[in-house]
Amino acid sequence: MPKSKTLEVDVIDPESFRQILKAKQNELHDLYQHDIKVGQESTDDNADDFADRANNSYNRETMFALSDVERKTLIRIDEAFRRIDKGIFGSCDYCGGAIGLPRLKAVPWALYCIDCQEREERGLLD
C-alpha cells in the first residue's frame, strides 16, 4: 500500500515571532544607544583643519541617521507586538491577506504582504 504524502503547511506561531521580535528589539535598542553615544561624543575640538572638521561632522550625522533608522524599526517592532496581542499578526495592514511565512521570517515586523509592499514602494497605496 503506497504511503500518502503529507503537505507541509506554513503555520505562523505568534509566540515564536514574539521571541524573535524581542531579541531584535533588544539588539536594536543596544545599537541605538551606542549610536547616540558615539554621535554625542564626536566633536570638532581635536580637528586640526577644515577637512577633519567636515569629516567629523559627516560621521556624526551618519551616526544620527543610523539611529533614526533603528528607531523606526523599533516602532515597527512595537506595532508587531500589538498585532500579536490583537491576534492579527501575519495579516497585511492594507489588504487583510496573509503575509507569507518566508516574508515574516525575513522581516518579522512587516506590515504588508509582498504585493502590497511593492505597491507601497511605488507610492500606489492610498
PDB file of N, CA and C in Angstrom:
ATOM      1  N   MET A   1       0.834  -1.168   0.000  1.00  0.00           N
ATOM      2  CA  MET A   1       0.000   0.000   0.000  1.00  0.00           C
ATOM      3  C   MET A   1       0.891   1.248   0.000  1.00  0.00           C
ATOM      4  N   PRO A   2       0.709   2.172  -0.937  1.00  0.00           N
ATOM      5  CA  PRO A   2       1.559   3.359  -1.018  1.00  0.00           C
ATOM      6  C   PRO A   2       1.312   4.292   0.165  1.00  0.00           C
ATOM      7  N   LYS A   3       2.416   4.915   0.578  1.00  0.00           N
ATOM      8  CA  LYS A   3       2.290   5.884   1.662  1.00  0.00           C
ATOM      9  C   LYS A   3       1.696   7.174   1.113  1.00  0.00           C
ATOM     10  N   SER A   4       0.847   7.765   1.903  1.00  0.00           N
ATOM     11  CA  SER A   4       0.266   9.040   1.470  1.00  0.00           C
ATOM     12  C   SER A   4       1.257  10.156   1.761  1.00  0.00           C
ATOM     13  N   LYS A   5       1.262  11.105   0.884  1.00  0.00           N
ATOM     14  CA  LYS A   5       2.142  12.252   1.049  1.00  0.00           C
ATOM     15  C   LYS A   5       1.424  13.284   1.907  1.00  0.00           C
ATOM     16  N   THR A   6       2.140  13.818   2.855  1.00  0.00           N
ATOM     17  CA  THR A   6       1.563  14.883   3.664  1.00  0.00           C
ATOM     18  C   THR A   6       2.123  16.208   3.187  1.00  0.00           C
ATOM     19  N   LEU A   7       1.277  17.170   3.163  1.00  0.00           N
ATOM     20  CA  LEU A   7       1.689  18.506   2.761  1.00  0.00           C
ATOM     21  C   LEU A   7       2.136  19.284   3.984  1.00  0.00           C
ATOM     22  N   GLU A   8       3.273  19.939   3.847  1.00  0.00           N
ATOM     23  CA  GLU A   8       3.707  20.803   4.924  1.00  0.00           C
ATOM     24  C   GLU A   8       3.022  22.145   4.768  1.00  0.00           C
ATOM     25  N   VAL A   9       2.396  22.574   5.819  1.00  0.00           N
ATOM     26  CA  VAL A   9       1.687  23.843   5.796  1.00  0.00           C
ATOM     27  C   VAL A   9       2.493  24.851   6.613  1.00  0.00           C
ATOM     28  N   ASP A  10       2.683  26.022   6.035  1.00  0.00           N
ATOM     29  CA  ASP A  10       3.367  27.079   6.754  1.00  0.00           C
ATOM     30  C   ASP A  10       2.413  27.649   7.789  1.00  0.00           C
ATOM     31  N   VAL A  11       2.753  27.462   9.049  1.00  0.00           N
ATOM     32  CA  VAL A  11       1.921  27.950  10.135  1.00  0.00           C
ATOM     33  C   VAL A  11       2.681  29.037  10.871  1.00  0.00           C
ATOM     34  N   ILE A  12       2.006  30.117  11.116  1.00  0.00           N
ATOM     35  CA  ILE A  12       2.611  31.220  11.845  1.00  0.00           C
ATOM     36  C   ILE A  12       2.319  31.025  13.324  1.00  0.00           C
ATOM     37  N   ASP A  13       3.377  30.881  14.097  1.00  0.00           N
ATOM     38  CA  ASP A  13       3.259  30.772  15.546  1.00  0.00           C
ATOM     39  C   ASP A  13       3.604  32.139  16.132  1.00  0.00           C
ATOM     40  N   PRO A  14       2.589  32.910  16.522  1.00  0.00           N
ATOM     41  CA  PRO A  14       2.852  34.262  17.010  1.00  0.00           C
ATOM     42  C   PRO A  14       3.820  34.314  18.194  1.00  0.00           C
ATOM     43  N   GLU A  15       3.772  33.327  19.064  1.00  0.00           N
ATOM     44  CA  GLU A  15       4.645  33.366  20.237  1.00  0.00           C
ATOM     45  C   GLU A  15       6.118  33.170  19.862  1.00  0.00           C
ATOM     46  N   SER A  16       6.387  32.362  18.853  1.00  0.00           N
ATOM     47  CA  SER A  16       7.779  32.237  18.421  1.00  0.00           C
ATOM     48  C   SER A  16       8.246  33.541  17.778  1.00  0.00           C
ATOM     49  N   PHE A  17       7.343  34.207  17.074  1.00  0.00           N
ATOM     50  CA  PHE A  17       7.697  35.500  16.493  1.00  0.00           C
ATOM     51  C   PHE A  17       7.854  36.553  17.583  1.00  0.00           C
ATOM     52  N   ARG A  18       7.108  36.445  18.669  1.00  0.00           N
ATOM     53  CA  ARG A  18       7.269  37.371  19.788  1.00  0.00           C
ATOM     54  C   ARG A  18       8.705  37.284  20.324  1.00  0.00           C
ATOM     55  N   GLN A  19       9.233  36.067  20.426  1.00  0.00           N
ATOM     56  CA  GLN A  19      10.606  35.878  20.907  1.00  0.00           C
ATOM     57  C   GLN A  19      11.621  36.458  19.915  1.00  0.00           C
ATOM     58  N   ILE A  20      11.393  36.220  18.633  1.00  0.00           N
ATOM     59  CA  ILE A  20      12.277  36.758  17.596  1.00  0.00           C
ATOM     60  C   ILE A  20      12.258  38.283  17.632  1.00  0.00           C
ATOM     61  N   LEU A  21      11.057  38.853  17.743  1.00  0.00           N
ATOM     62  CA  LEU A  21      10.914  40.307  17.786  1.00  0.00           C
ATOM     63  C   LEU A  21      11.580  40.897  19.032  1.00  0.00           C
ATOM     64  N   LYS A  22      11.435  40.226  20.156  1.00  0.00           N
ATOM     65  CA  LYS A  22      12.038  40.710  21.400  1.00  0.00           C
ATOM     66  C   LYS A  22      13.563  40.720  21.289  1.00  0.00           C
ATOM     67  N   ALA A  23      14.130  39.672  20.703  1.00  0.00           N
ATOM     68  CA  ALA A  23      15.581  39.615  20.519  1.00  0.00           C
ATOM     69  C   ALA A  23      16.054  40.748  19.609  1.00  0.00           C
ATOM     70  N   LYS A  24      15.339  40.983  18.519  1.00  0.00           N
ATOM     71  CA  LYS A  24      15.708  42.062  17.591  1.00  0.00           C
ATOM     72  C   LYS A  24      15.532  43.416  18.263  1.00  0.00           C
ATOM     73  N   GLN A  25      14.486  43.558  19.050  1.00  0.00           N
ATOM     74  CA  GLN A  25      14.242  44.794  19.783  1.00  0.00           C
ATOM     75  C   GLN A  25      15.414  45.094  20.726  1.00  0.00           C
ATOM     76  N   ASN A  26      15.866  44.097  21.463  1.00  0.00           N
ATOM     77  CA  ASN A  26      16.994  44.282  22.373  1.00  0.00           C
ATOM     78  C   ASN A  26      18.263  44.652  21.611  1.00  0.00           C
ATOM     79  N   GLU A  27      18.500  43.975  20.494  1.00  0.00           N
ATOM     80  CA  GLU A  27      19.679  44.249  19.677  1.00  0.00           C
ATOM     81  C   GLU A  27      19.658  45.686  19.152  1.00  0.00           C
ATOM     82  N   LEU A  28      18.513  46.106  18.624  1.00  0.00           N
ATOM     83  CA  LEU A  28      18.403  47.452  18.075  1.00  0.00           C
ATOM     84  C   LEU A  28      18.481  48.516  19.162  1.00  0.00           C
ATOM     85  N   HIS A  29      17.910  48.223  20.316  1.00  0.00           N
ATOM     86  CA  HIS A  29      17.975  49.179  21.416  1.00  0.00           C
ATOM     87  C   HIS A  29      19.440  49.414  21.812  1.00  0.00           C
ATOM     88  N   ASP A  30      20.206  48.346  21.892  1.00  0.00           N
ATOM     89  CA  ASP A  30      21.625  48.470  22.227  1.00  0.00           C
ATOM     90  C   ASP A  30      22.382  49.258  21.153  1.00  0.00           C
ATOM     91  N   LEU A  31      22.112  48.963  19.877  1.00  0.00           N
ATOM     92  CA  LEU A  31      22.759  49.693  18.786  1.00  0.00           C
ATOM     93  C   LEU A  31      22.364  51.165  18.794  1.00  0.00           C
ATOM     94  N   TYR A  32      21.083  51.416  19.029  1.00  0.00           N
ATOM     95  CA  TYR A  32      20.570  52.787  19.067  1.00  0.00           C
ATOM     96  C   TYR A  32      21.279  53.581  20.163  1.00  0.00           C
ATOM     97  N   GLN A  33      21.387  53.013  21.347  1.00  0.00           N
ATOM     98  CA  GLN A  33      22.067  53.689  22.448  1.00  0.00           C
ATOM     99  C   GLN A  33      23.541  53.938  22.116  1.00  0.00           C
ATOM    100  N   HIS A  34      24.182  52.962  21.492  1.00  0.00           N
ATOM    101  CA  HIS A  34      25.581  53.118  21.093  1.00  0.00           C
ATOM    102  C   HIS A  34      25.735  54.238  20.070  1.00  0.00           C
ATOM    103  N   ASP A  35      24.866  54.254  19.046  1.00  0.00           N
ATOM    104  CA  ASP A  35      24.951  55.280  18.008  1.00  0.00           C
ATOM    105  C   ASP A  35      24.754  56.677  18.582  1.00  0.00           C
ATOM    106  N   ILE A  36      23.803  56.823  19.472  1.00  0.00           N
ATOM    107  CA  ILE A  36      23.564  58.118  20.105  1.00  0.00           C
ATOM    108  C   ILE A  36      24.795  58.557  20.896  1.00  0.00           C
ATOM    109  N   LYS A  37      25.358  57.636  21.671  1.00  0.00           N
ATOM    110  CA  LYS A  37      26.535  57.955  22.481  1.00  0.00           C
ATOM    111  C   LYS A  37      27.714  58.366  21.601  1.00  0.00           C
ATOM    112  N   VAL A  38      27.973  57.617  20.543  1.00  0.00           N
ATOM    113  CA  VAL A  38      29.088  57.935  19.646  1.00  0.00           C
ATOM    114  C   VAL A  38      28.841  59.267  18.955  1.00  0.00           C
ATOM    115  N   GLY A  39      27.620  59.509  18.530  1.00  0.00           N
ATOM    116  CA  GLY A  39      27.298  60.776  17.877  1.00  0.00           C
ATOM    117  C   GLY A  39      27.482  61.960  18.799  1.00  0.00           C
ATOM    118  N   GLN A  40      27.108  61.807  20.057  1.00  0.00           N
ATOM    119  CA  GLN A  40      27.257  62.900  21.017  1.00  0.00           C
ATOM    120  C   GLN A  40      28.717  63.119  21.401  1.00  0.00           C
ATOM    121  N   GLU A  41      29.506  62.055  21.410  1.00  0.00           N
ATOM    122  CA  GLU A  41      30.912  62.171  21.792  1.00  0.00           C
ATOM    123  C   GLU A  41      31.786  62.714  20.669  1.00  0.00           C
ATOM    124  N   SER A  42      31.300  62.618  19.449  1.00  0.00           N
ATOM    125  CA  SER A  42      32.079  63.093  18.308  1.00  0.00           C
ATOM    126  C   SER A  42      32.042  64.616  18.284  1.00  0.00           C
ATOM    127  N   THR A  43      33.195  65.225  18.459  1.00  0.00           N
ATOM    128  CA  THR A  43      33.268  66.690  18.450  1.00  0.00           C
ATOM    129  C   THR A  43      34.349  67.134  17.493  1.00  0.00           C
ATOM    130  N   ASP A  44      34.339  68.415  17.231  1.00  0.00           N
ATOM    131  CA  ASP A  44      35.345  69.015  16.353  1.00  0.00           C
ATOM    132  C   ASP A  44      36.519  69.589  17.135  1.00  0.00           C
ATOM    133  N   ASP A  45      36.538  69.417  18.446  1.00  0.00           N
ATOM    134  CA  ASP A  45      37.569  70.026  19.283  1.00  0.00           C
ATOM    135  C   ASP A  45      38.983  69.617  18.878  1.00  0.00           C
ATOM    136  N   ASN A  46      39.172  68.375  18.486  1.00  0.00           N
ATOM    137  CA  ASN A  46      40.510  67.889  18.156  1.00  0.00           C
ATOM    138  C   ASN A  46      40.809  67.961  16.659  1.00  0.00           C
ATOM    139  N   ALA A  47      39.923  68.533  15.901  1.00  0.00           N
ATOM    140  CA  ALA A  47      40.128  68.616  14.462  1.00  0.00           C
ATOM    141  C   ALA A  47      41.089  69.758  14.141  1.00  0.00           C
ATOM    142  N   ASP A  48      42.105  69.442  13.352  1.00  0.00           N
ATOM    143  CA  ASP A  48      43.131  70.431  13.036  1.00  0.00           C
ATOM    144  C   ASP A  48      42.770  71.316  11.853  1.00  0.00           C
ATOM    145  N   ASP A  49      42.035  70.803  10.935  1.00  0.00           N
ATOM    146  CA  ASP A  49      41.733  71.611   9.763  1.00  0.00           C
ATOM    147  C   ASP A  49      40.282  71.421   9.327  1.00  0.00           C
ATOM    148  N   PHE A  50      39.928  72.154   8.306  1.00  0.00           N
ATOM    149  CA  PHE A  50      38.559  72.138   7.802  1.00  0.00           C
ATOM    150  C   PHE A  50      38.131  70.739   7.364  1.00  0.00           C
ATOM    151  N   ALA A  51      39.013  69.998   6.700  1.00  0.00           N
ATOM    152  CA  ALA A  51      38.680  68.648   6.220  1.00  0.00           C
ATOM    153  C   ALA A  51      38.382  67.710   7.388  1.00  0.00           C
ATOM    154  N   ASP A  52      39.167  67.811   8.460  1.00  0.00           N
ATOM    155  CA  ASP A  52      38.919  66.978   9.635  1.00  0.00           C
ATOM    156  C   ASP A  52      37.573  67.323  10.277  1.00  0.00           C
ATOM    157  N   ARG A  53      37.287  68.628  10.379  1.00  0.00           N
ATOM    158  CA  ARG A  53      36.005  69.046  10.967  1.00  0.00           C
ATOM    159  C   ARG A  53      34.839  68.568  10.104  1.00  0.00           C
ATOM    160  N   ALA A  54      34.998  68.660   8.782  1.00  0.00           N
ATOM    161  CA  ALA A  54      33.935  68.206   7.873  1.00  0.00           C
ATOM    162  C   ALA A  54      33.731  66.700   8.000  1.00  0.00           C
ATOM    163  N   ASN A  55      34.828  65.955   8.092  1.00  0.00           N
ATOM    164  CA  ASN A  55      34.745  64.506   8.247  1.00  0.00           C
ATOM    165  C   ASN A  55      34.059  64.147   9.567  1.00  0.00           C
ATOM    166  N   ASN A  56      34.434  64.836  10.647  1.00  0.00           N
ATOM    167  CA  ASN A  56      33.796  64.586  11.942  1.00  0.00           C
ATOM    168  C   ASN A  56      32.302  64.890  11.883  1.00  0.00           C
ATOM    169  N   SER A  57      31.946  65.980  11.231  1.00  0.00           N
ATOM    170  CA  SER A  57      30.538  66.347  11.107  1.00  0.00           C
ATOM    171  C   SER A  57      29.773  65.295  10.309  1.00  0.00           C
ATOM    172  N   TYR A  58      30.362  64.830   9.219  1.00  0.00           N
ATOM    173  CA  TYR A  58      29.732  63.792   8.404  1.00  0.00           C
ATOM    174  C   TYR A  58      29.527  62.517   9.228  1.00  0.00           C
ATOM    175  N   ASN A  59      30.550  62.112   9.958  1.00  0.00           N
ATOM    176  CA  ASN A  59      30.437  60.905  10.794  1.00  0.00           C
ATOM    177  C   ASN A  59      29.357  61.049  11.847  1.00  0.00           C
ATOM    178  N   ARG A  60      29.260  62.219  12.456  1.00  0.00           N
ATOM    179  CA  ARG A  60      28.250  62.474  13.468  1.00  0.00           C
ATOM    180  C   ARG A  60      26.848  62.383  12.854  1.00  0.00           C
ATOM    181  N   GLU A  61      26.660  62.999  11.696  1.00  0.00           N
ATOM    182  CA  GLU A  61      25.364  62.950  11.012  1.00  0.00           C
ATOM    183  C   GLU A  61      25.008  61.519  10.610  1.00  0.00           C
ATOM    184  N   THR A  62      25.997  60.760  10.169  1.00  0.00           N
ATOM    185  CA  THR A  62      25.763  59.363   9.801  1.00  0.00           C
ATOM    186  C   THR A  62      25.289  58.570  11.000  1.00  0.00           C
ATOM    187  N   MET A  63      25.918  58.769  12.143  1.00  0.00           N
ATOM    188  CA  MET A  63      25.518  58.042  13.348  1.00  0.00           C
ATOM    189  C   MET A  63      24.087  58.388  13.741  1.00  0.00           C
ATOM    190  N   PHE A  64      23.721  59.664  13.651  1.00  0.00           N
ATOM    191  CA  PHE A  64      22.354  60.046  13.993  1.00  0.00           C
ATOM    192  C   PHE A  64      21.356  59.503  12.973  1.00  0.00           C
ATOM    193  N   ALA A  65      21.736  59.466  11.691  1.00  0.00           N
ATOM    194  CA  ALA A  65      20.848  58.906  10.670  1.00  0.00           C
ATOM    195  C   ALA A  65      20.636  57.414  10.905  1.00  0.00           C
ATOM    196  N   LEU A  66      21.719  56.699  11.233  1.00  0.00           N
ATOM    197  CA  LEU A  66      21.584  55.273  11.515  1.00  0.00           C
ATOM    198  C   LEU A  66      20.668  55.054  12.701  1.00  0.00           C
ATOM    199  N   SER A  67      20.815  55.873  13.724  1.00  0.00           N
ATOM    200  CA  SER A  67      19.977  55.684  14.892  1.00  0.00           C
ATOM    201  C   SER A  67      18.524  55.980  14.565  1.00  0.00           C
ATOM    202  N   ASP A  68      18.260  56.870  13.604  1.00  0.00           N
ATOM    203  CA  ASP A  68      16.892  57.151  13.203  1.00  0.00           C
ATOM    204  C   ASP A  68      16.265  55.935  12.523  1.00  0.00           C
ATOM    205  N   VAL A  69      17.041  55.251  11.672  1.00  0.00           N
ATOM    206  CA  VAL A  69      16.551  54.030  11.026  1.00  0.00           C
ATOM    207  C   VAL A  69      16.254  52.969  12.080  1.00  0.00           C
ATOM    208  N   GLU A  70      17.153  52.839  13.042  1.00  0.00           N
ATOM    209  CA  GLU A  70      16.946  51.867  14.118  1.00  0.00           C
ATOM    210  C   GLU A  70      15.706  52.219  14.936  1.00  0.00           C
ATOM    211  N   ARG A  71      15.506  53.508  15.186  1.00  0.00           N
ATOM    212  CA  ARG A  71      14.329  53.962  15.940  1.00  0.00           C
ATOM    213  C   ARG A  71      13.045  53.606  15.200  1.00  0.00           C
ATOM    214  N   LYS A  72      13.035  53.808  13.902  1.00  0.00           N
ATOM    215  CA  LYS A  72      11.849  53.477  13.105  1.00  0.00           C
ATOM    216  C   LYS A  72      11.576  51.980  13.124  1.00  0.00           C
ATOM    217  N   THR A  73      12.631  51.170  13.083  1.00  0.00           N
ATOM    218  CA  THR A  73      12.446  49.717  13.156  1.00  0.00           C
ATOM    219  C   THR A  73      11.892  49.323  14.518  1.00  0.00           C
ATOM    220  N   LEU A  74      12.371  49.964  15.574  1.00  0.00           N
ATOM    221  CA  LEU A  74      11.837  49.684  16.915  1.00  0.00           C
ATOM    222  C   LEU A  74      10.345  50.003  16.992  1.00  0.00           C
ATOM    223  N   ILE A  75       9.920  51.065  16.340  1.00  0.00           N
ATOM    224  CA  ILE A  75       8.492  51.414  16.307  1.00  0.00           C
ATOM    225  C   ILE A  75       7.714  50.322  15.580  1.00  0.00           C
ATOM    226  N   ARG A  76       8.246  49.826  14.469  1.00  0.00           N
ATOM    227  CA  ARG A  76       7.584  48.746  13.724  1.00  0.00           C
ATOM    228  C   ARG A  76       7.492  47.472  14.564  1.00  0.00           C
ATOM    229  N   ILE A  77       8.531  47.205  15.345  1.00  0.00           N
ATOM    230  CA  ILE A  77       8.512  46.021  16.209  1.00  0.00           C
ATOM    231  C   ILE A  77       7.429  46.169  17.274  1.00  0.00           C
ATOM    232  N   ASP A  78       7.301  47.362  17.855  1.00  0.00           N
ATOM    233  CA  ASP A  78       6.226  47.607  18.827  1.00  0.00           C
ATOM    234  C   ASP A  78       4.854  47.381  18.189  1.00  0.00           C
ATOM    235  N   GLU A  79       4.693  47.825  16.940  1.00  0.00           N
ATOM    236  CA  GLU A  79       3.438  47.610  16.222  1.00  0.00           C
ATOM    237  C   GLU A  79       3.192  46.115  16.016  1.00  0.00           C
ATOM    238  N   ALA A  80       4.255  45.356  15.746  1.00  0.00           N
ATOM    239  CA  ALA A  80       4.116  43.903  15.561  1.00  0.00           C
ATOM    240  C   ALA A  80       3.666  43.238  16.855  1.00  0.00           C
ATOM    241  N   PHE A  81       4.198  43.697  18.002  1.00  0.00           N
ATOM    242  CA  PHE A  81       3.739  43.170  19.291  1.00  0.00           C
ATOM    243  C   PHE A  81       2.244  43.430  19.482  1.00  0.00           C
ATOM    244  N   ARG A  82       1.785  44.619  19.110  1.00  0.00           N
ATOM    245  CA  ARG A  82       0.349  44.939  19.229  1.00  0.00           C
ATOM    246  C   ARG A  82      -0.492  44.042  18.320  1.00  0.00           C
ATOM    247  N   ARG A  83       0.027  43.758  17.110  1.00  0.00           N
ATOM    248  CA  ARG A  83      -0.716  42.868  16.202  1.00  0.00           C
ATOM    249  C   ARG A  83      -0.783  41.449  16.770  1.00  0.00           C
ATOM    250  N   ILE A  84       0.294  41.005  17.426  1.00  0.00           N
ATOM    251  CA  ILE A  84       0.270  39.688  18.064  1.00  0.00           C
ATOM    252  C   ILE A  84      -0.793  39.686  19.150  1.00  0.00           C
ATOM    253  N   ASP A  85      -0.793  40.734  19.986  1.00  0.00           N
ATOM    254  CA  ASP A  85      -1.761  40.823  21.085  1.00  0.00           C
ATOM    255  C   ASP A  85      -3.207  40.864  20.587  1.00  0.00           C
ATOM    256  N   LYS A  86      -3.430  41.496  19.438  1.00  0.00           N
ATOM    257  CA  LYS A  86      -4.782  41.586  18.867  1.00  0.00           C
ATOM    258  C   LYS A  86      -5.168  40.338  18.081  1.00  0.00           C
ATOM    259  N   GLY A  87      -4.213  39.441  17.866  1.00  0.00           N
ATOM    260  CA  GLY A  87      -4.493  38.231  17.101  1.00  0.00           C
ATOM    261  C   GLY A  87      -4.508  38.434  15.601  1.00  0.00           C
ATOM    262  N   ILE A  88      -3.898  39.508  15.131  1.00  0.00           N
ATOM    263  CA  ILE A  88      -3.890  39.780  13.689  1.00  0.00           C
ATOM    264  C   ILE A  88      -2.489  39.755  13.103  1.00  0.00           C
ATOM    265  N   PHE A  89      -1.515  39.251  13.866  1.00  0.00           N
ATOM    266  CA  PHE A  89      -0.147  39.167  13.358  1.00  0.00           C
ATOM    267  C   PHE A  89      -0.115  38.265  12.134  1.00  0.00           C
ATOM    268  N   GLY A  90       0.577  38.701  11.098  1.00  0.00           N
ATOM    269  CA  GLY A  90       0.678  37.921   9.874  1.00  0.00           C
ATOM    270  C   GLY A  90      -0.352  38.314   8.830  1.00  0.00           C
ATOM    271  N   SER A  91      -1.187  39.316   9.160  1.00  0.00           N
ATOM    272  CA  SER A  91      -2.163  39.826   8.204  1.00  0.00           C
ATOM    273  C   SER A  91      -1.687  41.161   7.664  1.00  0.00           C
ATOM    274  N   CYS A  92      -1.857  41.354   6.378  1.00  0.00           N
ATOM    275  CA  CYS A  92      -1.463  42.590   5.718  1.00  0.00           C
ATOM    276  C   CYS A  92      -2.329  43.746   6.228  1.00  0.00           C
ATOM    277  N   ASP A  93      -1.690  44.848   6.603  1.00  0.00           N
ATOM    278  CA  ASP A  93      -2.421  46.017   7.085  1.00  0.00           C
ATOM    279  C   ASP A  93      -3.235  46.685   5.986  1.00  0.00           C
ATOM    280  N   TYR A  94      -2.921  46.432   4.735  1.00  0.00           N
ATOM    281  CA  TYR A  94      -3.647  47.093   3.648  1.00  0.00           C
ATOM    282  C   TYR A  94      -4.784  46.228   3.111  1.00  0.00           C
ATOM    283  N   CYS A  95      -4.458  45.023   2.669  1.00  0.00           N
ATOM    284  CA  CYS A  95      -5.484  44.191   2.014  1.00  0.00           C
ATOM    285  C   CYS A  95      -6.106  43.156   2.947  1.00  0.00           C
ATOM    286  N   GLY A  96      -5.483  42.924   4.096  1.00  0.00           N
ATOM    287  CA  GLY A  96      -6.001  41.935   5.040  1.00  0.00           C
ATOM    288  C   GLY A  96      -5.604  40.510   4.723  1.00  0.00           C
ATOM    289  N   GLY A  97      -4.926  40.305   3.610  1.00  0.00           N
ATOM    290  CA  GLY A  97      -4.477  38.968   3.246  1.00  0.00           C
ATOM    291  C   GLY A  97      -3.310  38.526   4.111  1.00  0.00           C
ATOM    292  N   ALA A  98      -2.934  37.281   3.951  1.00  0.00           N
ATOM    293  CA  ALA A  98      -1.834  36.725   4.742  1.00  0.00           C
ATOM    294  C   ALA A  98      -0.489  37.241   4.238  1.00  0.00           C
ATOM    295  N   ILE A  99       0.383  37.567   5.186  1.00  0.00           N
ATOM    296  CA  ILE A  99       1.777  37.861   4.861  1.00  0.00           C
ATOM    297  C   ILE A  99       2.483  36.513   4.883  1.00  0.00           C
ATOM    298  N   GLY A 100       3.140  36.169   3.827  1.00  0.00           N
ATOM    299  CA  GLY A 100       3.778  34.863   3.720  1.00  0.00           C
ATOM    300  C   GLY A 100       4.813  34.609   4.809  1.00  0.00           C
ATOM    301  N   LEU A 101       4.904  33.370   5.240  1.00  0.00           N
ATOM    302  CA  LEU A 101       5.857  32.989   6.275  1.00  0.00           C
ATOM    303  C   LEU A 101       7.296  33.326   5.890  1.00  0.00           C
ATOM    304  N   PRO A 102       7.723  33.081   4.645  1.00  0.00           N
ATOM    305  CA  PRO A 102       9.093  33.472   4.293  1.00  0.00           C
ATOM    306  C   PRO A 102       9.340  34.972   4.485  1.00  0.00           C
ATOM    307  N   ARG A 103       8.342  35.791   4.159  1.00  0.00           N
ATOM    308  CA  ARG A 103       8.475  37.245   4.358  1.00  0.00           C
ATOM    309  C   ARG A 103       8.556  37.582   5.837  1.00  0.00           C
ATOM    310  N   LEU A 104       7.720  36.956   6.650  1.00  0.00           N
ATOM    311  CA  LEU A 104       7.755  37.219   8.087  1.00  0.00           C
ATOM    312  C   LEU A 104       9.057  36.743   8.719  1.00  0.00           C
ATOM    313  N   LYS A 105       9.601  35.662   8.205  1.00  0.00           N
ATOM    314  CA  LYS A 105      10.891  35.196   8.728  1.00  0.00           C
ATOM    315  C   LYS A 105      11.990  36.200   8.394  1.00  0.00           C
ATOM    316  N   ALA A 106      11.905  36.816   7.229  1.00  0.00           N
ATOM    317  CA  ALA A 106      12.908  37.794   6.816  1.00  0.00           C
ATOM    318  C   ALA A 106      12.701  39.144   7.505  1.00  0.00           C
ATOM    319  N   VAL A 107      11.437  39.554   7.621  1.00  0.00           N
ATOM    320  CA  VAL A 107      11.085  40.855   8.208  1.00  0.00           C
ATOM    321  C   VAL A 107       9.890  40.639   9.131  1.00  0.00           C
ATOM    322  N   PRO A 108      10.137  40.195  10.361  1.00  0.00           N
ATOM    323  CA  PRO A 108       9.015  39.850  11.245  1.00  0.00           C
ATOM    324  C   PRO A 108       8.113  41.021  11.613  1.00  0.00           C
ATOM    325  N   TRP A 109       8.536  42.237  11.376  1.00  0.00           N
ATOM    326  CA  TRP A 109       7.718  43.410  11.670  1.00  0.00           C
ATOM    327  C   TRP A 109       7.022  43.940  10.416  1.00  0.00           C
ATOM    328  N   ALA A 110       6.997  43.147   9.354  1.00  0.00           N
ATOM    329  CA  ALA A 110       6.387  43.573   8.097  1.00  0.00           C
ATOM    330  C   ALA A 110       4.920  43.936   8.298  1.00  0.00           C
ATOM    331  N   LEU A 111       4.505  45.033   7.685  1.00  0.00           N
ATOM    332  CA  LEU A 111       3.119  45.480   7.747  1.00  0.00           C
ATOM    333  C   LEU A 111       2.295  44.954   6.579  1.00  0.00           C
ATOM    334  N   TYR A 112       2.962  44.709   5.465  1.00  0.00           N
ATOM    335  CA  TYR A 112       2.260  44.386   4.237  1.00  0.00           C
ATOM    336  C   TYR A 112       2.701  43.053   3.658  1.00  0.00           C
ATOM    337  N   CYS A 113       1.783  42.431   2.916  1.00  0.00           N
ATOM    338  CA  CYS A 113       2.157  41.266   2.120  1.00  0.00           C
ATOM    339  C   CYS A 113       3.097  41.760   1.022  1.00  0.00           C
ATOM    340  N   ILE A 114       3.721  40.868   0.333  1.00  0.00           N
ATOM    341  CA  ILE A 114       4.725  41.260  -0.658  1.00  0.00           C
ATOM    342  C   ILE A 114       4.123  42.108  -1.775  1.00  0.00           C
ATOM    343  N   ASP A 115       2.905  41.778  -2.225  1.00  0.00           N
ATOM    344  CA  ASP A 115       2.274  42.559  -3.296  1.00  0.00           C
ATOM    345  C   ASP A 115       1.990  43.985  -2.847  1.00  0.00           C
ATOM    346  N   CYS A 116       1.427  44.141  -1.645  1.00  0.00           N
ATOM    347  CA  CYS A 116       1.121  45.480  -1.140  1.00  0.00           C
ATOM    348  C   CYS A 116       2.400  46.253  -0.825  1.00  0.00           C
ATOM    349  N   GLN A 117       3.443  45.567  -0.366  1.00  0.00           N
ATOM    350  CA  GLN A 117       4.718  46.231  -0.100  1.00  0.00           C
ATOM    351  C   GLN A 117       5.296  46.802  -1.387  1.00  0.00           C
ATOM    352  N   GLU A 118       5.205  46.029  -2.470  1.00  0.00           N
ATOM    353  CA  GLU A 118       5.702  46.520  -3.755  1.00  0.00           C
ATOM    354  C   GLU A 118       4.912  47.746  -4.203  1.00  0.00           C
ATOM    355  N   ARG A 119       3.597  47.717  -3.992  1.00  0.00           N
ATOM    356  CA  ARG A 119       2.771  48.887  -4.348  1.00  0.00           C
ATOM    357  C   ARG A 119       3.124  50.083  -3.467  1.00  0.00           C
ATOM    358  N   GLU A 120       3.378  49.836  -2.179  1.00  0.00           N
ATOM    359  CA  GLU A 120       3.768  50.905  -1.258  1.00  0.00           C
ATOM    360  C   GLU A 120       5.074  51.555  -1.714  1.00  0.00           C
ATOM    361  N   GLU A 121       6.027  50.740  -2.113  1.00  0.00           N
ATOM    362  CA  GLU A 121       7.319  51.261  -2.554  1.00  0.00           C
ATOM    363  C   GLU A 121       7.213  52.078  -3.842  1.00  0.00           C
ATOM    364  N   ARG A 122       6.190  51.804  -4.636  1.00  0.00           N
ATOM    365  CA  ARG A 122       5.945  52.573  -5.866  1.00  0.00           C
ATOM    366  C   ARG A 122       5.003  53.755  -5.605  1.00  0.00           C
ATOM    367  N   GLY A 123       4.552  53.909  -4.346  1.00  0.00           N
ATOM    368  CA  GLY A 123       3.655  55.001  -3.996  1.00  0.00           C
ATOM    369  C   GLY A 123       2.235  54.793  -4.467  1.00  0.00           C
ATOM    370  N   LEU A 124       1.822  53.548  -4.614  1.00  0.00           N
ATOM    371  CA  LEU A 124       0.497  53.254  -5.161  1.00  0.00           C
ATOM    372  C   LEU A 124      -0.548  52.878  -4.109  1.00  0.00           C
ATOM    373  N   LEU A 125      -0.166  52.836  -2.840  1.00  0.00           N
ATOM    374  CA  LEU A 125      -1.153  52.563  -1.787  1.00  0.00           C
ATOM    375  C   LEU A 125      -1.764  53.875  -1.336  1.00  0.00           C
ATOM    376  N   ASP A 126      -3.019  53.828  -0.980  1.00  0.00           N
ATOM    377  CA  ASP A 126      -3.717  55.040  -0.502  1.00  0.00           C
ATOM    378  C   ASP A 126      -3.214  55.466   0.845  1.00  0.00           C
TER     379      ASP A 126
END
